[in-house]
Amino acid sequence: QYFSVACFTGTPGVGKTTLGLKYVNVGDLAREGKGYFGQLYDGYDEEYDCPILDEDRLENQMSEGGVIVDYHGCDFFPERWFHIVFVLKTDNSILYKRLENRGYNEKKLKDNVQCEIFQVLHEEALASYKEEIVHQLPSNKPEDLEDNITQILKWIEQWVKDHGS
């Protein structure tokens, strides 16, 4: 049984939330203590200035389903949760500026850019899910955003036709 339709992943700053689709940002909800994911953090990482997600609690909260998941990692989400995984990719110089504008500390900025350089999240997705459901999308400029939304909406329309939902 699938709990979710799609997963959006990518290094922080690649544009996951910019897509503007109705989705659940796991990190934000865990941090804010709201909704499905309200109590899903298991401490706080001072070095990276972010909450630590408790994957066991997340499993329990996904049972209602029907969500698009946005998180900066995906390798711990079970394969059965997703019909498709989108990994957003951004040019390193663009990503650096985006993260700098967010006020990331030097270590967090450097580690996230290195993660993008080595395509860590794309590799994690390919290692965790069937290759045919993992799709990498560029996210450098406004035109990419429009193209990505068009591509994602086409995929969703086809999925609905194929699954009669």
N, C-alpha and C. Protein backbone atom coordinates (compact mmCIF):
# COMPACT_ATOMS: atom_id res chain seq x y z
N GLN A 1 0.84 -1.18 0.00
CA GLN A 1 0.00 0.00 0.00
C GLN A 1 0.88 1.24 0.00
N TYR A 2 0.51 2.20 -0.84
CA TYR A 2 1.22 3.47 -0.89
C TYR A 2 0.53 4.46 0.03
N PHE A 3 1.32 5.21 0.76
CA PHE A 3 0.77 6.22 1.65
C PHE A 3 0.80 7.59 1.00
N SER A 4 1.67 7.80 0.06
CA SER A 4 1.90 9.10 -0.52
C SER A 4 2.08 8.94 -2.02
N VAL A 5 1.88 9.99 -2.74
CA VAL A 5 2.05 9.92 -4.18
C VAL A 5 3.47 10.27 -4.58
N ALA A 6 4.01 11.38 -4.06
CA ALA A 6 5.30 11.86 -4.54
C ALA A 6 6.17 12.37 -3.41
N CYS A 7 7.47 12.28 -3.65
CA CYS A 7 8.46 12.83 -2.73
C CYS A 7 9.30 13.84 -3.49
N PHE A 8 9.47 15.01 -2.91
CA PHE A 8 10.38 16.02 -3.45
C PHE A 8 11.56 16.11 -2.51
N THR A 9 12.74 15.96 -3.05
CA THR A 9 13.93 16.03 -2.22
C THR A 9 14.99 16.83 -2.95
N GLY A 10 16.01 17.19 -2.23
CA GLY A 10 17.11 17.96 -2.78
C GLY A 10 17.76 18.75 -1.65
N THR A 11 18.96 19.16 -1.90
CA THR A 11 19.70 19.95 -0.93
C THR A 11 18.89 21.19 -0.56
N PRO A 12 18.93 21.63 0.69
CA PRO A 12 18.25 22.89 1.03
C PRO A 12 18.66 24.00 0.06
N GLY A 13 17.67 24.77 -0.39
CA GLY A 13 17.95 25.88 -1.29
C GLY A 13 17.75 25.58 -2.77
N VAL A 14 17.43 24.33 -3.13
CA VAL A 14 17.27 24.00 -4.55
C VAL A 14 15.91 24.38 -5.11
N GLY A 15 14.96 24.75 -4.26
CA GLY A 15 13.67 25.23 -4.76
C GLY A 15 12.49 24.32 -4.53
N LYS A 16 12.56 23.44 -3.55
CA LYS A 16 11.45 22.51 -3.29
C LYS A 16 10.17 23.27 -2.95
N THR A 17 10.24 24.23 -2.06
CA THR A 17 9.03 24.94 -1.65
C THR A 17 8.58 25.95 -2.71
N THR A 18 9.48 26.37 -3.58
CA THR A 18 9.15 27.33 -4.63
C THR A 18 8.19 26.75 -5.66
N LEU A 19 8.11 25.43 -5.77
CA LEU A 19 7.22 24.81 -6.74
C LEU A 19 5.77 25.20 -6.52
N GLY A 20 5.39 25.49 -5.27
CA GLY A 20 4.05 25.98 -4.99
C GLY A 20 2.96 24.93 -5.03
N LEU A 21 3.32 23.65 -5.01
CA LEU A 21 2.31 22.60 -5.00
C LEU A 21 1.82 22.36 -3.58
N LYS A 22 0.64 21.76 -3.44
CA LYS A 22 0.13 21.43 -2.11
C LYS A 22 0.91 20.22 -1.61
N TYR A 23 1.62 20.40 -0.52
CA TYR A 23 2.49 19.35 -0.03
C TYR A 23 2.71 19.52 1.46
N VAL A 24 3.40 18.56 2.02
CA VAL A 24 3.74 18.62 3.44
C VAL A 24 5.25 18.76 3.55
N ASN A 25 5.70 19.88 4.12
CA ASN A 25 7.12 20.09 4.37
C ASN A 25 7.41 19.48 5.74
N VAL A 26 7.98 18.30 5.74
CA VAL A 26 8.19 17.54 6.97
C VAL A 26 9.02 18.32 7.97
N GLY A 27 10.10 18.93 7.52
CA GLY A 27 10.97 19.66 8.43
C GLY A 27 10.28 20.82 9.11
N ASP A 28 9.52 21.61 8.34
CA ASP A 28 8.82 22.76 8.92
C ASP A 28 7.79 22.32 9.95
N LEU A 29 7.00 21.30 9.61
CA LEU A 29 5.95 20.87 10.53
C LEU A 29 6.53 20.22 11.79
N ALA A 30 7.60 19.49 11.63
CA ALA A 30 8.24 18.89 12.81
C ALA A 30 8.75 19.99 13.73
N ARG A 31 9.36 21.01 13.14
CA ARG A 31 9.92 22.11 13.92
C ARG A 31 8.82 22.92 14.60
N GLU A 32 7.71 23.14 13.88
CA GLU A 32 6.63 23.96 14.41
C GLU A 32 5.70 23.19 15.34
N GLY A 33 5.77 21.87 15.31
CA GLY A 33 4.90 21.06 16.16
C GLY A 33 3.46 21.07 15.69
N LYS A 34 3.22 21.12 14.36
CA LYS A 34 1.87 21.21 13.81
C LYS A 34 1.53 20.01 12.93
N GLY A 35 0.25 19.81 12.73
CA GLY A 35 -0.27 18.86 11.74
C GLY A 35 0.18 17.43 11.95
N TYR A 36 0.18 16.68 10.85
CA TYR A 36 0.59 15.27 10.87
C TYR A 36 1.92 15.07 11.60
N PHE A 37 2.83 15.99 11.35
CA PHE A 37 4.21 15.79 11.76
C PHE A 37 4.56 16.54 13.03
N GLY A 38 3.55 16.90 13.80
CA GLY A 38 3.71 17.76 14.95
C GLY A 38 4.77 17.40 15.96
N GLN A 39 4.89 16.16 16.30
CA GLN A 39 5.86 15.78 17.33
C GLN A 39 6.91 14.84 16.77
N LEU A 40 7.43 15.18 15.62
CA LEU A 40 8.33 14.27 14.92
C LEU A 40 9.81 14.60 15.08
N TYR A 41 10.12 15.53 15.94
CA TYR A 41 11.53 15.81 16.11
C TYR A 41 12.04 15.11 17.37
N ASP A 42 13.30 14.77 17.29
CA ASP A 42 13.94 14.04 18.39
C ASP A 42 15.21 14.79 18.78
N GLY A 43 15.03 16.02 19.19
CA GLY A 43 16.18 16.84 19.57
C GLY A 43 16.46 17.91 18.54
N TYR A 44 17.55 18.62 18.77
CA TYR A 44 17.92 19.74 17.92
C TYR A 44 19.41 19.69 17.65
N ASP A 45 19.81 19.88 16.40
CA ASP A 45 21.21 19.89 16.01
C ASP A 45 21.69 21.33 16.03
N GLU A 46 22.43 21.70 17.06
CA GLU A 46 22.92 23.07 17.22
C GLU A 46 23.88 23.46 16.11
N GLU A 47 24.72 22.52 15.68
CA GLU A 47 25.72 22.81 14.66
C GLU A 47 25.07 23.22 13.33
N TYR A 48 24.00 22.53 12.96
CA TYR A 48 23.32 22.83 11.70
C TYR A 48 22.07 23.67 11.90
N ASP A 49 21.76 24.02 13.15
CA ASP A 49 20.63 24.89 13.46
C ASP A 49 19.33 24.35 12.87
N CYS A 50 19.03 23.07 13.19
CA CYS A 50 17.81 22.45 12.68
C CYS A 50 17.38 21.29 13.58
N PRO A 51 16.07 20.96 13.55
CA PRO A 51 15.59 19.84 14.36
C PRO A 51 16.04 18.51 13.77
N ILE A 52 16.11 17.49 14.62
CA ILE A 52 16.46 16.14 14.18
C ILE A 52 15.15 15.36 14.06
N LEU A 53 14.89 14.85 12.88
CA LEU A 53 13.63 14.15 12.61
C LEU A 53 13.68 12.74 13.19
N ASP A 54 12.59 12.34 13.83
CA ASP A 54 12.45 10.99 14.37
C ASP A 54 11.68 10.16 13.34
N GLU A 55 12.41 9.30 12.60
CA GLU A 55 11.80 8.53 11.51
C GLU A 55 10.73 7.56 11.99
N ASP A 56 10.87 7.02 13.20
CA ASP A 56 9.87 6.08 13.71
C ASP A 56 8.52 6.76 13.93
N ARG A 57 8.55 7.97 14.47
CA ARG A 57 7.31 8.73 14.65
C ARG A 57 6.70 9.11 13.31
N LEU A 58 7.54 9.42 12.34
CA LEU A 58 7.06 9.78 11.01
C LEU A 58 6.28 8.62 10.38
N GLU A 59 6.79 7.41 10.51
CA GLU A 59 6.11 6.22 9.97
C GLU A 59 4.68 6.13 10.49
N ASN A 60 4.50 6.37 11.75
CA ASN A 60 3.17 6.30 12.35
C ASN A 60 2.23 7.38 11.81
N GLN A 61 2.77 8.54 11.48
CA GLN A 61 1.95 9.66 11.03
C GLN A 61 1.56 9.59 9.56
N MET A 62 2.23 8.78 8.77
CA MET A 62 1.98 8.72 7.33
C MET A 62 0.78 7.86 6.96
N SER A 63 0.19 7.15 7.89
CA SER A 63 -0.84 6.16 7.57
C SER A 63 -2.08 6.75 6.91
N GLU A 64 -2.38 8.03 7.13
CA GLU A 64 -3.57 8.62 6.50
C GLU A 64 -3.35 8.89 5.02
N GLY A 65 -2.11 9.10 4.62
CA GLY A 65 -1.74 9.18 3.21
C GLY A 65 -2.20 10.40 2.47
N GLY A 66 -2.02 10.32 1.13
CA GLY A 66 -2.45 11.38 0.24
C GLY A 66 -1.61 12.64 0.28
N VAL A 67 -0.37 12.56 0.68
CA VAL A 67 0.45 13.76 0.78
C VAL A 67 1.63 13.71 -0.18
N ILE A 68 2.11 14.89 -0.53
CA ILE A 68 3.36 15.04 -1.25
C ILE A 68 4.38 15.45 -0.20
N VAL A 69 5.44 14.70 -0.08
CA VAL A 69 6.42 14.91 0.98
C VAL A 69 7.60 15.73 0.45
N ASP A 70 7.99 16.74 1.22
CA ASP A 70 9.13 17.59 0.90
C ASP A 70 10.11 17.48 2.07
N TYR A 71 11.29 16.98 1.77
CA TYR A 71 12.31 16.89 2.81
C TYR A 71 13.67 16.86 2.14
N HIS A 72 14.70 17.27 2.85
CA HIS A 72 16.03 17.34 2.25
C HIS A 72 16.77 16.00 2.30
N GLY A 73 16.06 14.94 2.51
CA GLY A 73 16.60 13.59 2.43
C GLY A 73 15.45 12.66 2.14
N CYS A 74 15.75 11.47 1.64
CA CYS A 74 14.66 10.56 1.35
C CYS A 74 15.02 9.11 1.60
N ASP A 75 16.27 8.83 1.90
CA ASP A 75 16.70 7.44 1.97
C ASP A 75 16.08 6.65 3.11
N PHE A 76 15.51 7.31 4.10
CA PHE A 76 14.89 6.59 5.22
C PHE A 76 13.38 6.43 5.04
N PHE A 77 12.80 7.05 4.00
CA PHE A 77 11.37 6.85 3.73
C PHE A 77 11.20 5.51 3.01
N PRO A 78 10.26 4.68 3.44
CA PRO A 78 10.07 3.38 2.78
C PRO A 78 9.63 3.54 1.32
N GLU A 79 10.09 2.64 0.48
CA GLU A 79 9.77 2.67 -0.94
C GLU A 79 8.26 2.65 -1.18
N ARG A 80 7.53 1.94 -0.35
CA ARG A 80 6.08 1.79 -0.55
C ARG A 80 5.33 3.12 -0.41
N TRP A 81 5.96 4.14 0.14
CA TRP A 81 5.29 5.43 0.32
C TRP A 81 5.10 6.19 -0.98
N PHE A 82 5.94 5.95 -1.99
CA PHE A 82 5.97 6.85 -3.14
C PHE A 82 5.77 6.14 -4.47
N HIS A 83 5.07 6.83 -5.35
CA HIS A 83 4.94 6.41 -6.73
C HIS A 83 6.01 7.08 -7.58
N ILE A 84 6.52 8.20 -7.11
CA ILE A 84 7.55 8.94 -7.85
C ILE A 84 8.37 9.78 -6.87
N VAL A 85 9.64 9.97 -7.21
CA VAL A 85 10.54 10.78 -6.40
C VAL A 85 11.20 11.81 -7.33
N PHE A 86 11.04 13.08 -7.00
CA PHE A 86 11.67 14.16 -7.76
C PHE A 86 12.83 14.71 -6.93
N VAL A 87 14.01 14.74 -7.54
CA VAL A 87 15.19 15.32 -6.90
C VAL A 87 15.52 16.60 -7.65
N LEU A 88 15.43 17.73 -6.95
CA LEU A 88 15.75 19.01 -7.58
C LEU A 88 17.24 19.27 -7.49
N LYS A 89 17.81 19.82 -8.56
CA LYS A 89 19.24 20.08 -8.64
C LYS A 89 19.46 21.53 -9.04
N THR A 90 20.42 22.17 -8.37
CA THR A 90 20.75 23.56 -8.63
C THR A 90 22.26 23.71 -8.84
N ASP A 91 22.64 24.58 -9.77
CA ASP A 91 24.04 24.90 -9.99
C ASP A 91 24.66 25.39 -8.67
N ASN A 92 25.86 24.97 -8.39
CA ASN A 92 26.50 25.24 -7.09
C ASN A 92 26.63 26.72 -6.77
N SER A 93 26.96 27.54 -7.76
CA SER A 93 27.13 28.97 -7.48
C SER A 93 25.77 29.61 -7.14
N ILE A 94 24.71 29.18 -7.80
CA ILE A 94 23.37 29.68 -7.50
C ILE A 94 22.94 29.21 -6.11
N LEU A 95 23.19 27.95 -5.83
CA LEU A 95 22.83 27.39 -4.52
C LEU A 95 23.56 28.13 -3.40
N TYR A 96 24.86 28.38 -3.59
CA TYR A 96 25.64 29.08 -2.57
C TYR A 96 25.00 30.42 -2.24
N LYS A 97 24.62 31.17 -3.27
CA LYS A 97 24.02 32.49 -3.04
C LYS A 97 22.68 32.37 -2.32
N ARG A 98 21.87 31.38 -2.71
CA ARG A 98 20.57 31.19 -2.05
C ARG A 98 20.75 30.88 -0.56
N LEU A 99 21.68 30.00 -0.25
CA LEU A 99 21.89 29.61 1.15
C LEU A 99 22.52 30.76 1.94
N GLU A 100 23.40 31.50 1.32
CA GLU A 100 24.01 32.67 1.96
C GLU A 100 22.92 33.69 2.30
N ASN A 101 21.98 33.89 1.36
CA ASN A 101 20.88 34.83 1.60
C ASN A 101 19.97 34.36 2.73
N ARG A 102 19.92 33.07 2.99
CA ARG A 102 19.13 32.53 4.10
C ARG A 102 19.84 32.70 5.44
N GLY A 103 21.09 33.10 5.40
CA GLY A 103 21.84 33.31 6.63
C GLY A 103 22.45 32.03 7.20
N TYR A 104 22.67 31.03 6.36
CA TYR A 104 23.29 29.79 6.85
C TYR A 104 24.68 30.07 7.39
N ASN A 105 25.03 29.39 8.50
CA ASN A 105 26.39 29.54 9.01
C ASN A 105 27.36 28.87 8.03
N GLU A 106 28.63 29.17 8.16
CA GLU A 106 29.64 28.73 7.19
C GLU A 106 29.68 27.21 7.03
N LYS A 107 29.63 26.47 8.14
CA LYS A 107 29.69 25.01 8.07
C LYS A 107 28.47 24.45 7.36
N LYS A 108 27.29 24.94 7.71
CA LYS A 108 26.05 24.46 7.09
C LYS A 108 26.04 24.79 5.59
N LEU A 109 26.49 25.99 5.25
CA LEU A 109 26.55 26.40 3.86
C LEU A 109 27.51 25.50 3.08
N LYS A 110 28.70 25.31 3.60
CA LYS A 110 29.72 24.49 2.92
C LYS A 110 29.25 23.05 2.76
N ASP A 111 28.70 22.46 3.82
CA ASP A 111 28.27 21.07 3.76
C ASP A 111 27.13 20.87 2.76
N ASN A 112 26.19 21.81 2.71
CA ASN A 112 25.07 21.69 1.77
C ASN A 112 25.53 21.85 0.32
N VAL A 113 26.43 22.76 0.06
CA VAL A 113 26.96 22.92 -1.30
C VAL A 113 27.75 21.67 -1.70
N GLN A 114 28.54 21.11 -0.79
CA GLN A 114 29.27 19.88 -1.10
C GLN A 114 28.31 18.72 -1.37
N CYS A 115 27.22 18.67 -0.62
CA CYS A 115 26.19 17.66 -0.84
C CYS A 115 25.65 17.76 -2.26
N GLU A 116 25.45 18.99 -2.73
CA GLU A 116 24.95 19.19 -4.09
C GLU A 116 26.02 18.85 -5.13
N ILE A 117 27.26 19.24 -4.88
CA ILE A 117 28.35 18.94 -5.81
C ILE A 117 28.45 17.44 -6.06
N PHE A 118 28.38 16.66 -4.99
CA PHE A 118 28.53 15.20 -5.09
C PHE A 118 27.20 14.49 -5.35
N GLN A 119 26.12 15.25 -5.55
CA GLN A 119 24.79 14.71 -5.84
C GLN A 119 24.37 13.64 -4.84
N VAL A 120 24.63 13.92 -3.58
CA VAL A 120 24.36 12.96 -2.51
C VAL A 120 22.88 12.57 -2.48
N LEU A 121 21.98 13.54 -2.57
CA LEU A 121 20.56 13.21 -2.46
C LEU A 121 20.04 12.47 -3.68
N HIS A 122 20.57 12.76 -4.86
CA HIS A 122 20.20 12.00 -6.05
C HIS A 122 20.67 10.55 -5.91
N GLU A 123 21.89 10.37 -5.46
CA GLU A 123 22.43 9.03 -5.25
C GLU A 123 21.63 8.26 -4.20
N GLU A 124 21.25 8.94 -3.11
CA GLU A 124 20.43 8.31 -2.07
C GLU A 124 19.09 7.86 -2.64
N ALA A 125 18.49 8.72 -3.46
CA ALA A 125 17.19 8.37 -4.06
C ALA A 125 17.34 7.16 -4.97
N LEU A 126 18.38 7.14 -5.80
CA LEU A 126 18.59 6.01 -6.70
C LEU A 126 18.87 4.71 -5.94
N ALA A 127 19.55 4.83 -4.80
CA ALA A 127 19.86 3.64 -4.00
C ALA A 127 18.64 3.17 -3.20
N SER A 128 17.68 4.05 -2.95
CA SER A 128 16.56 3.73 -2.07
C SER A 128 15.28 3.33 -2.81
N TYR A 129 15.16 3.74 -4.06
CA TYR A 129 13.92 3.52 -4.82
C TYR A 129 14.25 2.96 -6.19
N LYS A 130 13.25 2.40 -6.85
CA LYS A 130 13.44 1.90 -8.20
C LYS A 130 13.86 3.06 -9.09
N GLU A 131 14.86 2.80 -9.92
CA GLU A 131 15.42 3.86 -10.76
C GLU A 131 14.37 4.54 -11.63
N GLU A 132 13.36 3.78 -12.08
CA GLU A 132 12.37 4.36 -12.98
C GLU A 132 11.43 5.36 -12.31
N ILE A 133 11.40 5.40 -10.97
CA ILE A 133 10.55 6.40 -10.31
C ILE A 133 11.34 7.62 -9.84
N VAL A 134 12.65 7.64 -10.01
CA VAL A 134 13.49 8.76 -9.57
C VAL A 134 13.78 9.66 -10.76
N HIS A 135 13.42 10.93 -10.63
CA HIS A 135 13.61 11.90 -11.70
C HIS A 135 14.31 13.13 -11.15
N GLN A 136 15.38 13.55 -11.83
CA GLN A 136 16.10 14.75 -11.42
C GLN A 136 15.63 15.92 -12.27
N LEU A 137 15.32 17.04 -11.61
CA LEU A 137 14.82 18.23 -12.29
C LEU A 137 15.74 19.41 -12.01
N PRO A 138 16.06 20.21 -13.03
CA PRO A 138 16.89 21.40 -12.80
C PRO A 138 16.09 22.47 -12.08
N SER A 139 16.76 23.26 -11.25
CA SER A 139 16.09 24.32 -10.51
C SER A 139 17.03 25.52 -10.34
N ASN A 140 17.36 26.13 -11.48
CA ASN A 140 18.30 27.25 -11.47
C ASN A 140 17.65 28.60 -11.70
N LYS A 141 16.61 28.64 -12.53
CA LYS A 141 16.03 29.91 -12.96
C LYS A 141 14.51 29.79 -13.03
N PRO A 142 13.81 30.91 -13.12
CA PRO A 142 12.34 30.88 -13.15
C PRO A 142 11.77 29.97 -14.24
N GLU A 143 12.42 29.91 -15.39
CA GLU A 143 11.93 29.05 -16.47
C GLU A 143 11.95 27.58 -16.05
N ASP A 144 12.94 27.19 -15.27
CA ASP A 144 13.00 25.81 -14.77
C ASP A 144 11.80 25.51 -13.89
N LEU A 145 11.42 26.48 -13.06
CA LEU A 145 10.26 26.32 -12.19
C LEU A 145 9.01 26.04 -13.01
N GLU A 146 8.80 26.84 -14.04
CA GLU A 146 7.63 26.65 -14.91
C GLU A 146 7.66 25.29 -15.59
N ASP A 147 8.82 24.92 -16.13
CA ASP A 147 8.96 23.62 -16.81
C ASP A 147 8.73 22.47 -15.83
N ASN A 148 9.26 22.59 -14.62
CA ASN A 148 9.10 21.53 -13.62
C ASN A 148 7.64 21.36 -13.22
N ILE A 149 6.94 22.47 -13.00
CA ILE A 149 5.53 22.38 -12.64
C ILE A 149 4.74 21.72 -13.77
N THR A 150 5.01 22.11 -15.00
CA THR A 150 4.34 21.50 -16.14
C THR A 150 4.60 20.00 -16.19
N GLN A 151 5.85 19.61 -16.02
CA GLN A 151 6.21 18.18 -16.06
C GLN A 151 5.55 17.41 -14.91
N ILE A 152 5.55 17.97 -13.73
CA ILE A 152 4.97 17.31 -12.56
C ILE A 152 3.45 17.17 -12.73
N LEU A 153 2.80 18.23 -13.19
CA LEU A 153 1.35 18.17 -13.40
C LEU A 153 0.98 17.13 -14.46
N LYS A 154 1.78 17.03 -15.53
CA LYS A 154 1.54 16.00 -16.54
C LYS A 154 1.66 14.61 -15.92
N TRP A 155 2.68 14.44 -15.08
CA TRP A 155 2.86 13.14 -14.43
C TRP A 155 1.66 12.82 -13.54
N ILE A 156 1.21 13.79 -12.75
CA ILE A 156 0.08 13.58 -11.85
C ILE A 156 -1.18 13.23 -12.65
N GLU A 157 -1.43 13.97 -13.74
CA GLU A 157 -2.59 13.67 -14.59
C GLU A 157 -2.54 12.24 -15.11
N GLN A 158 -1.37 11.83 -15.58
CA GLN A 158 -1.21 10.47 -16.10
C GLN A 158 -1.40 9.44 -15.00
N TRP A 159 -0.86 9.73 -13.82
CA TRP A 159 -1.00 8.81 -12.69
C TRP A 159 -2.47 8.64 -12.33
N VAL A 160 -3.22 9.73 -12.29
CA VAL A 160 -4.64 9.67 -11.96
C VAL A 160 -5.38 8.83 -13.00
N LYS A 161 -5.07 9.04 -14.30
CA LYS A 161 -5.71 8.24 -15.36
C LYS A 161 -5.39 6.76 -15.19
N ASP A 162 -4.12 6.47 -14.92
CA ASP A 162 -3.68 5.07 -14.80
C ASP A 162 -4.26 4.38 -13.58
N HIS A 163 -4.53 5.13 -12.51
CA HIS A 163 -4.95 4.53 -11.25
C HIS A 163 -6.42 4.78 -10.92
N GLY A 164 -7.12 5.47 -11.81
CA GLY A 164 -8.55 5.69 -11.64
C GLY A 164 -8.94 6.41 -10.38
N SER A 165 -8.09 7.31 -9.89
CA SER A 165 -8.40 8.06 -8.67
C SER A 165 -8.81 9.45 -9.00
